[in-house]
Amino acid sequence: MTTQLEYNIDNDVIDRLSGLQAGGSLHALRHQREKVAVASQGSYDALFDPALEGIGLDERLLVALYACRLAGASDVAAHYRARLDALPADAAQIAVAAGGAPEQLPEGRLRAMLAFTRALTERPVEGDKAALHTLPAAGISTPAVVALSQLIAFISYQIRVVAGLKAMKLASKEQA
């Protein structure tokens, strides 16, 4: 499913997570290549579109929260936790994503997704054919496996961009 979404600079998640203010020099620098900001927000919007088939929005948010936690990105994790808290999500699943391990969940889709997320986040070399085969075995369709892989890659990208922008913001304040 492809949804055409309109970019709204005032609703840019990376800008918000980085604390960038419209009119600021770092905001202007980030938006010099507007197509990158538009594509980044477009990826976010598409990956977290409730209409995306194959993986529930709650599952995608749990994967995002877990990936952020594994990467030590508590600021980005808080964003996904807030989105989860706005849903009728399972508290035990949120607890695992926020502070536990996939093995604490019963066998099934979410456990397989979180284990795959851990492999790609902590030890990408382990995201091999064998790791991929655990997903269909847990009832996850091939298109959903592709979407899950894209989601994990996007979260990694988002975390790095936010961290870089925050570091630049801090450095510019220290020089002032």
N, C-alpha and C. Protein backbone atom coordinates (compact mmCIF):
# COMPACT_ATOMS: atom_id res chain seq x y z
N MET A 1 0.84 -1.17 0.00
CA MET A 1 0.00 0.00 0.00
C MET A 1 0.88 1.24 0.00
N THR A 2 0.68 2.13 -0.93
CA THR A 2 1.42 3.37 -1.02
C THR A 2 0.48 4.52 -0.74
N THR A 3 0.86 5.34 0.21
CA THR A 3 0.06 6.49 0.56
C THR A 3 0.89 7.73 0.30
N GLN A 4 0.34 8.68 -0.42
CA GLN A 4 1.02 9.94 -0.68
C GLN A 4 0.69 10.88 0.48
N LEU A 5 1.70 11.26 1.24
CA LEU A 5 1.50 12.14 2.38
C LEU A 5 2.16 13.47 2.09
N GLU A 6 1.57 14.53 2.59
CA GLU A 6 2.11 15.87 2.37
C GLU A 6 3.05 16.22 3.52
N TYR A 7 4.20 16.79 3.18
CA TYR A 7 5.19 17.18 4.19
C TYR A 7 4.78 18.49 4.84
N ASN A 8 4.82 18.50 6.16
CA ASN A 8 4.53 19.69 6.94
C ASN A 8 5.74 19.95 7.82
N ILE A 9 6.48 21.00 7.49
CA ILE A 9 7.72 21.30 8.21
C ILE A 9 7.50 21.46 9.71
N ASP A 10 6.32 21.90 10.10
CA ASP A 10 6.01 22.08 11.52
C ASP A 10 5.77 20.76 12.25
N ASN A 11 5.65 19.67 11.50
CA ASN A 11 5.39 18.36 12.09
C ASN A 11 6.55 17.40 11.82
N ASP A 12 7.74 17.92 11.61
CA ASP A 12 8.91 17.10 11.32
C ASP A 12 9.41 16.45 12.61
N VAL A 13 9.34 15.14 12.66
CA VAL A 13 9.68 14.41 13.89
C VAL A 13 11.16 14.57 14.25
N ILE A 14 12.04 14.50 13.27
CA ILE A 14 13.47 14.65 13.58
C ILE A 14 13.75 16.05 14.12
N ASP A 15 13.14 17.07 13.56
CA ASP A 15 13.31 18.42 14.10
C ASP A 15 12.85 18.47 15.56
N ARG A 16 11.69 17.90 15.83
CA ARG A 16 11.16 17.92 17.21
C ARG A 16 12.05 17.15 18.16
N LEU A 17 12.48 15.93 17.76
CA LEU A 17 13.31 15.12 18.64
C LEU A 17 14.68 15.76 18.88
N SER A 18 15.14 16.54 17.91
CA SER A 18 16.44 17.21 18.03
C SER A 18 16.35 18.54 18.74
N GLY A 19 15.12 19.03 18.94
CA GLY A 19 14.93 20.32 19.58
C GLY A 19 15.24 21.49 18.66
N LEU A 20 15.13 21.27 17.35
CA LEU A 20 15.40 22.35 16.40
C LEU A 20 14.20 23.28 16.31
N GLN A 21 14.49 24.57 16.30
CA GLN A 21 13.45 25.58 16.19
C GLN A 21 13.49 26.20 14.81
N ALA A 22 12.33 26.37 14.19
CA ALA A 22 12.26 27.05 12.89
C ALA A 22 12.90 28.42 13.03
N GLY A 23 13.71 28.78 12.05
CA GLY A 23 14.41 30.06 12.09
C GLY A 23 15.80 29.97 12.68
N GLY A 24 16.08 28.87 13.37
CA GLY A 24 17.42 28.69 13.94
C GLY A 24 18.42 28.29 12.87
N SER A 25 19.69 28.52 13.14
CA SER A 25 20.72 28.24 12.14
C SER A 25 20.85 26.74 11.86
N LEU A 26 20.74 25.91 12.88
CA LEU A 26 20.84 24.47 12.66
C LEU A 26 19.62 23.94 11.90
N HIS A 27 18.47 24.49 12.19
CA HIS A 27 17.25 24.13 11.46
C HIS A 27 17.42 24.50 9.98
N ALA A 28 17.93 25.69 9.74
CA ALA A 28 18.15 26.13 8.35
C ALA A 28 19.17 25.23 7.65
N LEU A 29 20.22 24.85 8.37
CA LEU A 29 21.23 23.97 7.80
C LEU A 29 20.62 22.62 7.43
N ARG A 30 19.82 22.07 8.33
CA ARG A 30 19.19 20.77 8.05
C ARG A 30 18.26 20.86 6.84
N HIS A 31 17.61 21.96 6.67
CA HIS A 31 16.63 22.09 5.60
C HIS A 31 17.20 22.68 4.31
N GLN A 32 18.52 22.85 4.26
CA GLN A 32 19.14 23.27 2.99
C GLN A 32 18.87 22.24 1.91
N ARG A 33 18.91 20.97 2.29
CA ARG A 33 18.57 19.88 1.37
C ARG A 33 17.19 19.39 1.77
N GLU A 34 16.20 20.17 1.45
CA GLU A 34 14.82 19.92 1.88
C GLU A 34 14.35 18.52 1.51
N LYS A 35 14.82 18.00 0.36
CA LYS A 35 14.36 16.69 -0.06
C LYS A 35 14.77 15.59 0.92
N VAL A 36 15.87 15.80 1.65
CA VAL A 36 16.29 14.81 2.66
C VAL A 36 15.32 14.84 3.84
N ALA A 37 14.99 16.05 4.29
CA ALA A 37 14.03 16.18 5.40
C ALA A 37 12.67 15.62 5.00
N VAL A 38 12.24 15.93 3.78
CA VAL A 38 10.96 15.44 3.28
C VAL A 38 10.96 13.92 3.20
N ALA A 39 12.05 13.35 2.67
CA ALA A 39 12.14 11.88 2.55
C ALA A 39 12.19 11.21 3.92
N SER A 40 12.90 11.82 4.85
CA SER A 40 12.97 11.24 6.20
C SER A 40 11.60 11.23 6.87
N GLN A 41 10.90 12.35 6.79
CA GLN A 41 9.56 12.42 7.38
C GLN A 41 8.61 11.50 6.63
N GLY A 42 8.75 11.43 5.32
CA GLY A 42 7.91 10.54 4.52
C GLY A 42 8.11 9.08 4.91
N SER A 43 9.36 8.70 5.18
CA SER A 43 9.63 7.32 5.63
C SER A 43 8.96 7.07 6.97
N TYR A 44 9.09 8.02 7.89
CA TYR A 44 8.45 7.90 9.20
C TYR A 44 6.95 7.74 9.04
N ASP A 45 6.35 8.63 8.24
CA ASP A 45 4.90 8.59 8.05
C ASP A 45 4.45 7.27 7.44
N ALA A 46 5.19 6.78 6.46
CA ALA A 46 4.82 5.52 5.80
C ALA A 46 4.99 4.33 6.73
N LEU A 47 6.10 4.30 7.46
CA LEU A 47 6.37 3.15 8.34
C LEU A 47 5.43 3.10 9.55
N PHE A 48 4.89 4.24 9.94
CA PHE A 48 3.97 4.27 11.08
C PHE A 48 2.55 4.61 10.67
N ASP A 49 2.25 4.40 9.41
CA ASP A 49 0.89 4.58 8.90
C ASP A 49 0.03 3.44 9.45
N PRO A 50 -1.04 3.76 10.17
CA PRO A 50 -1.90 2.69 10.71
C PRO A 50 -2.44 1.75 9.63
N ALA A 51 -2.50 2.21 8.39
CA ALA A 51 -3.03 1.39 7.30
C ALA A 51 -2.00 0.43 6.72
N LEU A 52 -0.73 0.53 7.14
CA LEU A 52 0.29 -0.38 6.64
C LEU A 52 -0.08 -1.81 7.02
N GLU A 53 -0.11 -2.66 6.04
CA GLU A 53 -0.55 -4.04 6.25
C GLU A 53 0.59 -4.95 6.66
N GLY A 54 0.26 -6.00 7.37
CA GLY A 54 1.22 -7.04 7.70
C GLY A 54 1.79 -6.98 9.10
N ILE A 55 1.97 -5.78 9.61
CA ILE A 55 2.50 -5.59 10.98
C ILE A 55 1.65 -4.50 11.62
N GLY A 56 1.07 -4.82 12.75
CA GLY A 56 0.22 -3.85 13.44
C GLY A 56 1.02 -2.63 13.89
N LEU A 57 0.34 -1.51 14.01
CA LEU A 57 1.00 -0.30 14.47
C LEU A 57 1.62 -0.51 15.85
N ASP A 58 0.92 -1.21 16.72
CA ASP A 58 1.48 -1.47 18.04
C ASP A 58 2.77 -2.28 17.94
N GLU A 59 2.82 -3.27 17.05
CA GLU A 59 4.03 -4.07 16.88
C GLU A 59 5.18 -3.20 16.36
N ARG A 60 4.89 -2.32 15.40
CA ARG A 60 5.93 -1.44 14.85
C ARG A 60 6.46 -0.50 15.91
N LEU A 61 5.57 0.04 16.74
CA LEU A 61 6.00 0.94 17.81
C LEU A 61 6.81 0.19 18.87
N LEU A 62 6.43 -1.04 19.15
CA LEU A 62 7.20 -1.86 20.10
C LEU A 62 8.60 -2.15 19.55
N VAL A 63 8.70 -2.47 18.27
CA VAL A 63 10.00 -2.69 17.64
C VAL A 63 10.83 -1.41 17.72
N ALA A 64 10.22 -0.26 17.41
CA ALA A 64 10.94 1.01 17.46
C ALA A 64 11.43 1.31 18.87
N LEU A 65 10.57 1.14 19.85
CA LEU A 65 10.96 1.37 21.24
C LEU A 65 12.12 0.46 21.63
N TYR A 66 12.03 -0.81 21.27
CA TYR A 66 13.08 -1.78 21.61
C TYR A 66 14.40 -1.42 20.93
N ALA A 67 14.35 -1.07 19.65
CA ALA A 67 15.57 -0.71 18.91
C ALA A 67 16.22 0.53 19.54
N CYS A 68 15.40 1.51 19.92
CA CYS A 68 15.93 2.71 20.57
C CYS A 68 16.58 2.37 21.90
N ARG A 69 15.93 1.51 22.66
CA ARG A 69 16.49 1.13 23.95
C ARG A 69 17.82 0.42 23.76
N LEU A 70 17.89 -0.50 22.81
CA LEU A 70 19.14 -1.23 22.56
C LEU A 70 20.26 -0.28 22.15
N ALA A 71 19.91 0.76 21.41
CA ALA A 71 20.91 1.72 20.94
C ALA A 71 21.24 2.79 21.99
N GLY A 72 20.53 2.77 23.11
CA GLY A 72 20.78 3.76 24.16
C GLY A 72 20.23 5.14 23.84
N ALA A 73 19.24 5.19 22.95
CA ALA A 73 18.64 6.47 22.53
C ALA A 73 17.37 6.73 23.34
N SER A 74 17.54 7.08 24.61
CA SER A 74 16.38 7.23 25.49
C SER A 74 15.46 8.36 25.05
N ASP A 75 16.03 9.41 24.44
CA ASP A 75 15.20 10.52 23.98
C ASP A 75 14.28 10.09 22.85
N VAL A 76 14.79 9.32 21.90
CA VAL A 76 13.96 8.84 20.79
C VAL A 76 13.01 7.75 21.30
N ALA A 77 13.50 6.92 22.21
CA ALA A 77 12.65 5.88 22.81
C ALA A 77 11.43 6.50 23.48
N ALA A 78 11.61 7.63 24.14
CA ALA A 78 10.49 8.29 24.83
C ALA A 78 9.39 8.68 23.83
N HIS A 79 9.79 9.07 22.63
CA HIS A 79 8.80 9.40 21.60
C HIS A 79 7.94 8.18 21.27
N TYR A 80 8.59 7.05 21.04
CA TYR A 80 7.85 5.84 20.68
C TYR A 80 7.06 5.31 21.87
N ARG A 81 7.56 5.48 23.07
CA ARG A 81 6.83 5.06 24.26
C ARG A 81 5.55 5.89 24.40
N ALA A 82 5.64 7.18 24.14
CA ALA A 82 4.46 8.04 24.22
C ALA A 82 3.43 7.64 23.17
N ARG A 83 3.89 7.28 21.99
CA ARG A 83 2.96 6.84 20.95
C ARG A 83 2.29 5.53 21.37
N LEU A 84 3.05 4.63 21.97
CA LEU A 84 2.48 3.36 22.45
C LEU A 84 1.47 3.60 23.55
N ASP A 85 1.79 4.50 24.46
CA ASP A 85 0.89 4.79 25.58
C ASP A 85 -0.44 5.36 25.11
N ALA A 86 -0.46 5.92 23.90
CA ALA A 86 -1.70 6.47 23.35
C ALA A 86 -2.57 5.40 22.69
N LEU A 87 -2.02 4.19 22.59
CA LEU A 87 -2.77 3.07 21.98
C LEU A 87 -3.25 2.13 23.07
N PRO A 88 -4.18 1.26 22.73
CA PRO A 88 -4.53 0.19 23.66
C PRO A 88 -3.51 -0.96 23.51
N ALA A 89 -2.25 -0.67 23.87
CA ALA A 89 -1.18 -1.66 23.73
C ALA A 89 -1.05 -2.49 25.01
N ASP A 90 -0.51 -3.68 24.87
CA ASP A 90 -0.33 -4.62 25.96
C ASP A 90 0.81 -4.16 26.88
N ALA A 91 0.50 -3.97 28.16
CA ALA A 91 1.48 -3.45 29.12
C ALA A 91 2.68 -4.38 29.27
N ALA A 92 2.46 -5.69 29.24
CA ALA A 92 3.57 -6.64 29.37
C ALA A 92 4.51 -6.55 28.17
N GLN A 93 3.93 -6.37 26.99
CA GLN A 93 4.76 -6.22 25.80
C GLN A 93 5.56 -4.92 25.85
N ILE A 94 4.93 -3.86 26.30
CA ILE A 94 5.64 -2.58 26.43
C ILE A 94 6.78 -2.73 27.43
N ALA A 95 6.53 -3.42 28.53
CA ALA A 95 7.58 -3.61 29.54
C ALA A 95 8.78 -4.35 28.96
N VAL A 96 8.54 -5.34 28.13
CA VAL A 96 9.65 -6.07 27.51
C VAL A 96 10.40 -5.16 26.56
N ALA A 97 9.68 -4.42 25.71
CA ALA A 97 10.34 -3.53 24.76
C ALA A 97 11.12 -2.43 25.47
N ALA A 98 10.59 -1.96 26.60
CA ALA A 98 11.22 -0.86 27.33
C ALA A 98 12.35 -1.30 28.23
N GLY A 99 12.37 -2.57 28.64
CA GLY A 99 13.40 -2.96 29.60
C GLY A 99 13.68 -4.43 29.73
N GLY A 100 13.09 -5.25 28.89
CA GLY A 100 13.28 -6.69 29.01
C GLY A 100 13.96 -7.29 27.81
N ALA A 101 13.73 -8.58 27.65
CA ALA A 101 14.31 -9.33 26.54
C ALA A 101 13.20 -10.10 25.83
N PRO A 102 13.35 -10.33 24.53
CA PRO A 102 12.31 -11.03 23.78
C PRO A 102 11.94 -12.39 24.38
N GLU A 103 12.91 -13.02 25.00
CA GLU A 103 12.67 -14.36 25.57
C GLU A 103 11.63 -14.34 26.69
N GLN A 104 11.31 -13.15 27.21
CA GLN A 104 10.29 -13.03 28.25
C GLN A 104 8.88 -13.11 27.67
N LEU A 105 8.78 -13.01 26.35
CA LEU A 105 7.48 -13.10 25.69
C LEU A 105 7.21 -14.53 25.28
N PRO A 106 5.95 -14.89 25.14
CA PRO A 106 5.63 -16.21 24.62
C PRO A 106 6.10 -16.32 23.17
N GLU A 107 6.34 -17.55 22.72
CA GLU A 107 6.70 -17.77 21.31
C GLU A 107 5.66 -17.08 20.44
N GLY A 108 6.11 -16.52 19.35
CA GLY A 108 5.17 -15.89 18.43
C GLY A 108 5.76 -14.72 17.69
N ARG A 109 4.88 -13.96 17.06
CA ARG A 109 5.28 -12.86 16.18
C ARG A 109 6.16 -11.83 16.85
N LEU A 110 5.68 -11.26 17.96
CA LEU A 110 6.41 -10.17 18.58
C LEU A 110 7.77 -10.65 19.09
N ARG A 111 7.80 -11.80 19.68
CA ARG A 111 9.09 -12.34 20.16
C ARG A 111 10.08 -12.47 19.01
N ALA A 112 9.62 -13.00 17.88
CA ALA A 112 10.48 -13.16 16.71
C ALA A 112 10.92 -11.79 16.17
N MET A 113 10.00 -10.83 16.14
CA MET A 113 10.34 -9.49 15.65
C MET A 113 11.39 -8.82 16.53
N LEU A 114 11.21 -8.93 17.83
CA LEU A 114 12.17 -8.29 18.75
C LEU A 114 13.52 -9.00 18.70
N ALA A 115 13.52 -10.31 18.59
CA ALA A 115 14.80 -11.04 18.47
C ALA A 115 15.52 -10.63 17.18
N PHE A 116 14.78 -10.48 16.09
CA PHE A 116 15.37 -10.04 14.83
C PHE A 116 15.88 -8.61 14.96
N THR A 117 15.13 -7.76 15.64
CA THR A 117 15.55 -6.38 15.88
C THR A 117 16.86 -6.36 16.66
N ARG A 118 16.96 -7.19 17.69
CA ARG A 118 18.20 -7.26 18.48
C ARG A 118 19.36 -7.70 17.61
N ALA A 119 19.14 -8.71 16.78
CA ALA A 119 20.22 -9.19 15.90
C ALA A 119 20.70 -8.08 14.97
N LEU A 120 19.77 -7.39 14.33
CA LEU A 120 20.17 -6.33 13.39
C LEU A 120 20.77 -5.11 14.09
N THR A 121 20.33 -4.84 15.30
CA THR A 121 20.79 -3.67 16.03
C THR A 121 22.14 -3.90 16.70
N GLU A 122 22.28 -5.04 17.35
CA GLU A 122 23.50 -5.30 18.12
C GLU A 122 24.56 -6.07 17.34
N ARG A 123 24.13 -6.98 16.50
CA ARG A 123 25.07 -7.83 15.76
C ARG A 123 24.55 -8.03 14.34
N PRO A 124 24.67 -7.01 13.50
CA PRO A 124 24.08 -7.09 12.16
C PRO A 124 24.51 -8.31 11.35
N VAL A 125 25.69 -8.81 11.61
CA VAL A 125 26.15 -9.99 10.88
C VAL A 125 25.26 -11.20 11.17
N GLU A 126 24.55 -11.16 12.30
CA GLU A 126 23.65 -12.26 12.64
C GLU A 126 22.28 -12.12 11.98
N GLY A 127 22.06 -11.02 11.27
CA GLY A 127 20.80 -10.84 10.54
C GLY A 127 20.86 -11.57 9.21
N ASP A 128 21.26 -12.80 9.25
CA ASP A 128 21.48 -13.59 8.04
C ASP A 128 20.23 -14.37 7.66
N LYS A 129 20.41 -15.28 6.74
CA LYS A 129 19.30 -16.09 6.23
C LYS A 129 18.59 -16.85 7.35
N ALA A 130 19.35 -17.40 8.27
CA ALA A 130 18.73 -18.15 9.37
C ALA A 130 17.86 -17.25 10.23
N ALA A 131 18.35 -16.04 10.51
CA ALA A 131 17.55 -15.10 11.30
C ALA A 131 16.29 -14.69 10.55
N LEU A 132 16.42 -14.47 9.26
CA LEU A 132 15.26 -14.11 8.44
C LEU A 132 14.21 -15.22 8.44
N HIS A 133 14.64 -16.46 8.43
CA HIS A 133 13.70 -17.58 8.38
C HIS A 133 12.90 -17.74 9.67
N THR A 134 13.35 -17.15 10.76
CA THR A 134 12.58 -17.24 12.00
C THR A 134 11.29 -16.43 11.90
N LEU A 135 11.29 -15.42 11.04
CA LEU A 135 10.12 -14.55 10.93
C LEU A 135 8.94 -15.22 10.24
N PRO A 136 9.12 -15.81 9.04
CA PRO A 136 7.99 -16.53 8.44
C PRO A 136 7.53 -17.70 9.31
N ALA A 137 8.48 -18.30 10.02
CA ALA A 137 8.12 -19.41 10.91
C ALA A 137 7.21 -18.93 12.05
N ALA A 138 7.28 -17.64 12.37
CA ALA A 138 6.43 -17.05 13.41
C ALA A 138 5.14 -16.47 12.82
N GLY A 139 4.91 -16.72 11.53
CA GLY A 139 3.67 -16.26 10.91
C GLY A 139 3.74 -14.88 10.29
N ILE A 140 4.94 -14.41 10.02
CA ILE A 140 5.11 -13.07 9.44
C ILE A 140 5.33 -13.23 7.94
N SER A 141 4.50 -12.56 7.16
CA SER A 141 4.55 -12.69 5.70
C SER A 141 5.82 -12.04 5.14
N THR A 142 6.15 -12.40 3.91
CA THR A 142 7.33 -11.83 3.27
C THR A 142 7.24 -10.31 3.16
N PRO A 143 6.11 -9.73 2.71
CA PRO A 143 6.05 -8.26 2.69
C PRO A 143 6.23 -7.65 4.09
N ALA A 144 5.74 -8.30 5.11
CA ALA A 144 5.89 -7.79 6.47
C ALA A 144 7.35 -7.90 6.93
N VAL A 145 8.06 -8.93 6.50
CA VAL A 145 9.48 -9.06 6.82
C VAL A 145 10.25 -7.90 6.19
N VAL A 146 9.91 -7.57 4.96
CA VAL A 146 10.56 -6.44 4.28
C VAL A 146 10.26 -5.15 5.04
N ALA A 147 9.01 -4.94 5.41
CA ALA A 147 8.63 -3.73 6.15
C ALA A 147 9.35 -3.67 7.50
N LEU A 148 9.46 -4.79 8.17
CA LEU A 148 10.15 -4.85 9.46
C LEU A 148 11.62 -4.48 9.29
N SER A 149 12.26 -5.01 8.27
CA SER A 149 13.66 -4.69 8.01
C SER A 149 13.84 -3.21 7.70
N GLN A 150 12.93 -2.67 6.92
CA GLN A 150 12.97 -1.23 6.61
C GLN A 150 12.77 -0.40 7.87
N LEU A 151 11.87 -0.83 8.72
CA LEU A 151 11.60 -0.12 9.96
C LEU A 151 12.85 -0.08 10.84
N ILE A 152 13.50 -1.22 11.01
CA ILE A 152 14.70 -1.29 11.84
C ILE A 152 15.80 -0.40 11.28
N ALA A 153 15.97 -0.43 9.96
CA ALA A 153 16.98 0.43 9.33
C ALA A 153 16.63 1.90 9.52
N PHE A 154 15.36 2.25 9.37
CA PHE A 154 14.95 3.64 9.55
C PHE A 154 15.20 4.11 10.97
N ILE A 155 14.87 3.30 11.95
CA ILE A 155 15.08 3.69 13.35
C ILE A 155 16.56 3.94 13.61
N SER A 156 17.41 3.09 13.07
CA SER A 156 18.86 3.28 13.21
C SER A 156 19.28 4.62 12.61
N TYR A 157 18.78 4.92 11.43
CA TYR A 157 19.05 6.20 10.76
C TYR A 157 18.54 7.36 11.61
N GLN A 158 17.30 7.27 12.05
CA GLN A 158 16.69 8.35 12.82
C GLN A 158 17.48 8.64 14.10
N ILE A 159 17.88 7.59 14.79
CA ILE A 159 18.65 7.75 16.02
C ILE A 159 19.95 8.50 15.74
N ARG A 160 20.63 8.13 14.67
CA ARG A 160 21.91 8.75 14.34
C ARG A 160 21.74 10.22 13.93
N VAL A 161 20.71 10.51 13.15
CA VAL A 161 20.49 11.90 12.74
C VAL A 161 20.16 12.76 13.95
N VAL A 162 19.29 12.28 14.81
CA VAL A 162 18.93 13.04 16.01
C VAL A 162 20.15 13.25 16.90
N ALA A 163 20.95 12.21 17.10
CA ALA A 163 22.16 12.33 17.94
C ALA A 163 23.13 13.34 17.32
N GLY A 164 23.30 13.28 16.01
CA GLY A 164 24.20 14.22 15.34
C GLY A 164 23.73 15.65 15.46
N LEU A 165 22.44 15.87 15.25
CA LEU A 165 21.90 17.22 15.36
C LEU A 165 22.01 17.75 16.79
N LYS A 166 21.76 16.90 17.77
CA LYS A 166 21.88 17.33 19.17
C LYS A 166 23.33 17.66 19.50
N ALA A 167 24.27 16.88 18.98
CA ALA A 167 25.69 17.16 19.21
C ALA A 167 26.09 18.49 18.57
N MET A 168 25.59 18.74 17.36
CA MET A 168 25.88 20.01 16.69
C MET A 168 25.27 21.18 17.45
N LYS A 169 24.08 20.98 17.97
CA LYS A 169 23.40 22.03 18.73
C LYS A 169 24.19 22.34 20.00
N LEU A 170 24.65 21.31 20.69
CA LEU A 170 25.44 21.49 21.90
C LEU A 170 26.77 22.18 21.59
N ALA A 171 27.43 21.76 20.52
CA ALA A 171 28.69 22.36 20.14
C ALA A 171 28.52 23.84 19.80
N SER A 172 27.42 24.18 19.11
CA SER A 172 27.20 25.58 18.76
C SER A 172 26.92 26.43 20.01
N LYS A 173 26.28 25.86 21.01
CA LYS A 173 26.03 26.58 22.26
C LYS A 173 27.33 26.79 23.03
N GLU A 174 28.20 25.79 23.00
CA GLU A 174 29.47 25.88 23.72
C GLU A 174 30.39 26.92 23.07
N GLN A 175 30.25 27.11 21.76
CA GLN A 175 31.09 28.09 21.08
C GLN A 175 30.56 29.51 21.26
N ALA A 176 29.32 29.63 21.64
CA ALA A 176 28.71 30.97 21.77
C ALA A 176 29.13 31.66 23.05
